[in-house]
Amino acid sequence: MNTLDKIREECSGLEIEVIDRGNGHIQLKGKLLVNYYPNTKKCSAYVAGTRKAETHVTIQRAIEMTYLPPDVKPYKKRRRNTKPIRQKMLKKSTACHWCGNKLTLNTSTLEHIIPLHRGGLDNENNMALACPECNQKRGHNMPELEAE
C-alpha cells in the first residue's frame, strides 16, 4: 500500500479531504489546511498560512494538525498602516468575518485568521476584516477549532 492510500485510509470516517497535488505534495483539508510532504527526507508538514513547518511528521500528526490550533509563539509585532489594506478588502466584502455585522473603514480592523502568536503570516492571504469586538474577543485563540 502506498503512502497516499495509507493517508486516505487513516482519514476515512473523519471530516478530512485528502488532495494529491503531485510530486509528493498532499493536502489534508479539515478545519485547517495542512500541506504534507510524507516522502521527503524531512517528512515535513505545515498549516497553510503559518511561518514554520514541522519535520519528521507522522500521518497521525499531520491529521492532528488539521484540527488543532498551532502552538502560541512569540512574534514580531507588525508596524504598518493598515488603512490601504482595509480599503482594498472592503471592496470585496463589508461584513465582519466572524459576526457578519456591516463594517466601514472606520469600524473595521484587520484580523489574522491564524493569529500571529500562533505562527500565522502577516500577509493578506491570512487576513480578514472584523469588527473590533470580534477581533479583541478572539485574541490569539482560535475558538472555531474547539470541539463542537
Protein backbone atom coordinates (compact mmCIF):
# COMPACT_ATOMS: atom_id res chain seq x y z
CA MET A 1 0.00 0.00 0.00
CA ASN A 2 1.47 3.37 -0.98
CA THR A 3 1.64 6.42 1.28
CA LEU A 4 -1.34 8.19 -0.30
CA ASP A 5 -3.53 5.11 0.20
CA LYS A 6 -2.41 4.89 3.86
CA ILE A 7 -3.31 8.54 4.39
CA ARG A 8 -6.72 8.08 2.76
CA GLU A 9 -7.35 5.02 4.97
CA GLU A 10 -6.38 6.94 8.13
CA CYS A 11 -8.67 9.83 7.12
CA SER A 12 -11.68 7.66 6.25
CA GLY A 13 -14.53 8.41 8.63
CA LEU A 14 -13.01 11.78 9.55
CA GLU A 15 -14.12 15.06 8.03
CA ILE A 16 -10.79 15.47 6.23
CA GLU A 17 -10.43 15.74 2.48
CA VAL A 18 -7.19 14.28 1.06
CA ILE A 19 -5.92 16.10 -2.05
CA ASP A 20 -2.96 14.78 -4.05
CA ARG A 21 -1.13 17.81 -5.52
CA GLY A 22 1.53 15.68 -7.23
CA ASN A 23 5.28 15.43 -6.65
CA GLY A 24 4.72 14.06 -3.13
CA HIS A 25 2.67 17.09 -2.00
CA ILE A 26 -0.51 16.07 -0.20
CA GLN A 27 -3.04 18.48 1.28
CA LEU A 28 -5.22 17.48 4.20
CA LYS A 29 -8.23 19.75 4.35
CA GLY A 30 -10.07 19.69 7.66
CA LYS A 31 -10.82 22.78 9.76
CA LEU A 32 -7.28 23.85 8.81
CA LEU A 33 -5.44 23.12 5.57
CA VAL A 34 -2.22 21.14 6.08
CA ASN A 35 0.44 20.77 3.39
CA TYR A 36 2.16 17.42 3.95
CA TYR A 37 5.27 16.02 2.24
CA PRO A 38 5.48 12.42 3.56
CA ASN A 39 8.00 11.12 1.01
CA THR A 40 10.71 13.75 1.54
CA LYS A 41 13.81 13.27 3.69
CA LYS A 42 12.44 15.55 6.44
CA CYS A 43 8.82 14.35 6.09
CA SER A 44 7.53 17.87 6.73
CA ALA A 45 4.10 19.41 7.20
CA TYR A 46 2.78 22.87 7.88
CA VAL A 47 -0.56 24.57 8.38
CA ALA A 48 -1.29 26.86 5.42
CA GLY A 49 -0.82 30.48 6.44
CA THR A 50 1.86 29.79 9.07
CA ARG A 51 5.57 30.54 9.16
CA LYS A 52 7.20 27.27 10.15
CA ALA A 53 6.93 23.64 9.14
CA GLU A 54 7.25 20.67 11.47
CA THR A 55 9.65 17.93 10.46
CA HIS A 56 9.52 14.14 10.86
CA VAL A 57 5.73 14.28 10.87
CA THR A 58 3.77 11.02 11.02
CA ILE A 59 0.47 10.55 9.24
CA GLN A 60 -1.35 10.76 12.59
CA ARG A 61 0.39 14.05 13.45
CA ALA A 62 -0.48 15.53 10.04
CA ILE A 63 -4.13 14.60 10.67
CA GLU A 64 -4.00 16.20 14.15
CA MET A 65 -2.67 19.40 12.59
CA THR A 66 -5.92 19.76 10.58
CA TYR A 67 -7.99 20.39 13.71
CA LEU A 68 -5.62 21.58 16.47
CA PRO A 69 -4.59 25.24 16.67
CA PRO A 70 -0.84 25.83 16.27
CA ASP A 71 1.09 26.48 19.49
CA VAL A 72 1.35 30.03 20.85
CA LYS A 73 4.74 31.54 19.95
CA PRO A 74 6.39 34.94 20.31
CA TYR A 75 6.26 37.11 17.21
CA LYS A 76 7.44 40.46 15.93
CA LYS A 77 4.63 42.97 16.00
CA ARG A 78 3.75 44.38 12.60
CA ARG A 79 4.43 48.04 12.08
CA ARG A 80 2.48 49.44 9.20
CA ASN A 81 -0.54 51.43 8.25
CA THR A 82 -3.44 49.02 7.70
CA LYS A 83 -5.79 51.56 6.13
CA PRO A 84 -4.89 50.75 2.47
CA ILE A 85 -5.30 47.03 3.10
CA ARG A 86 -8.67 47.55 4.79
CA GLN A 87 -9.82 49.78 1.89
CA LYS A 88 -8.92 47.06 -0.59
CA MET A 89 -10.63 44.35 1.46
CA LEU A 90 -13.79 46.44 1.95
CA LYS A 91 -14.27 46.41 -1.84
CA LYS A 92 -14.67 42.62 -1.65
CA SER A 93 -16.79 42.42 1.49
CA THR A 94 -18.19 44.88 4.03
CA ALA A 95 -19.14 42.24 6.61
CA CYS A 96 -17.26 41.15 9.73
CA HIS A 97 -15.63 37.76 9.10
CA TRP A 98 -16.99 36.38 12.40
CA CYS A 99 -20.35 38.01 13.19
CA GLY A 100 -21.39 39.39 9.80
CA ASN A 101 -22.02 42.96 11.03
CA LYS A 102 -21.61 45.71 8.43
CA LEU A 103 -18.21 47.42 8.51
CA THR A 104 -16.82 50.73 7.28
CA LEU A 105 -13.24 51.90 7.00
CA ASN A 106 -13.54 53.48 10.46
CA THR A 107 -15.17 50.46 12.13
CA SER A 108 -13.07 47.69 10.58
CA THR A 109 -9.93 46.03 11.92
CA LEU A 110 -7.59 43.51 10.33
CA GLU A 111 -7.99 40.04 11.77
CA HIS A 112 -5.37 37.32 11.28
CA ILE A 113 -7.18 34.04 10.57
CA ILE A 114 -4.24 32.16 12.05
CA PRO A 115 -3.07 34.60 14.75
CA LEU A 116 0.48 35.93 14.64
CA HIS A 117 1.01 34.43 18.11
CA ARG A 118 0.31 31.01 16.62
CA GLY A 119 2.77 31.40 13.75
CA GLY A 120 0.35 32.96 11.26
CA LEU A 121 1.70 35.02 8.41
CA ASP A 122 1.29 38.78 8.28
CA ASN A 123 0.04 38.90 4.71
CA GLU A 124 -3.31 39.36 3.01
CA ASN A 125 -3.82 35.61 2.49
CA ASN A 126 -4.08 35.26 6.27
CA MET A 127 -6.22 38.35 6.90
CA ALA A 128 -9.91 39.13 7.10
CA LEU A 129 -11.90 42.14 8.20
CA ALA A 130 -13.50 42.02 11.63
CA CYS A 131 -15.27 44.38 13.95
CA PRO A 132 -13.13 45.49 16.92
CA GLU A 133 -15.26 43.47 19.37
CA CYS A 134 -14.80 40.17 17.49
CA ASN A 135 -11.11 40.82 16.90
CA GLN A 136 -10.44 41.57 20.55
CA LYS A 137 -12.62 38.73 21.85
CA ARG A 138 -10.80 36.20 19.67
CA GLY A 139 -7.31 37.46 20.58
CA HIS A 140 -4.76 34.77 19.78
CA ASN A 141 -7.23 31.96 20.44
CA MET A 142 -8.95 30.02 17.70
CA PRO A 143 -12.41 29.21 19.15
CA GLU A 144 -13.65 27.98 15.78
CA LEU A 145 -11.43 24.89 16.25
CA GLU A 146 -12.87 23.96 19.65
CA ALA A 147 -14.86 20.73 19.86
CA GLU A 148 -18.46 21.18 18.86
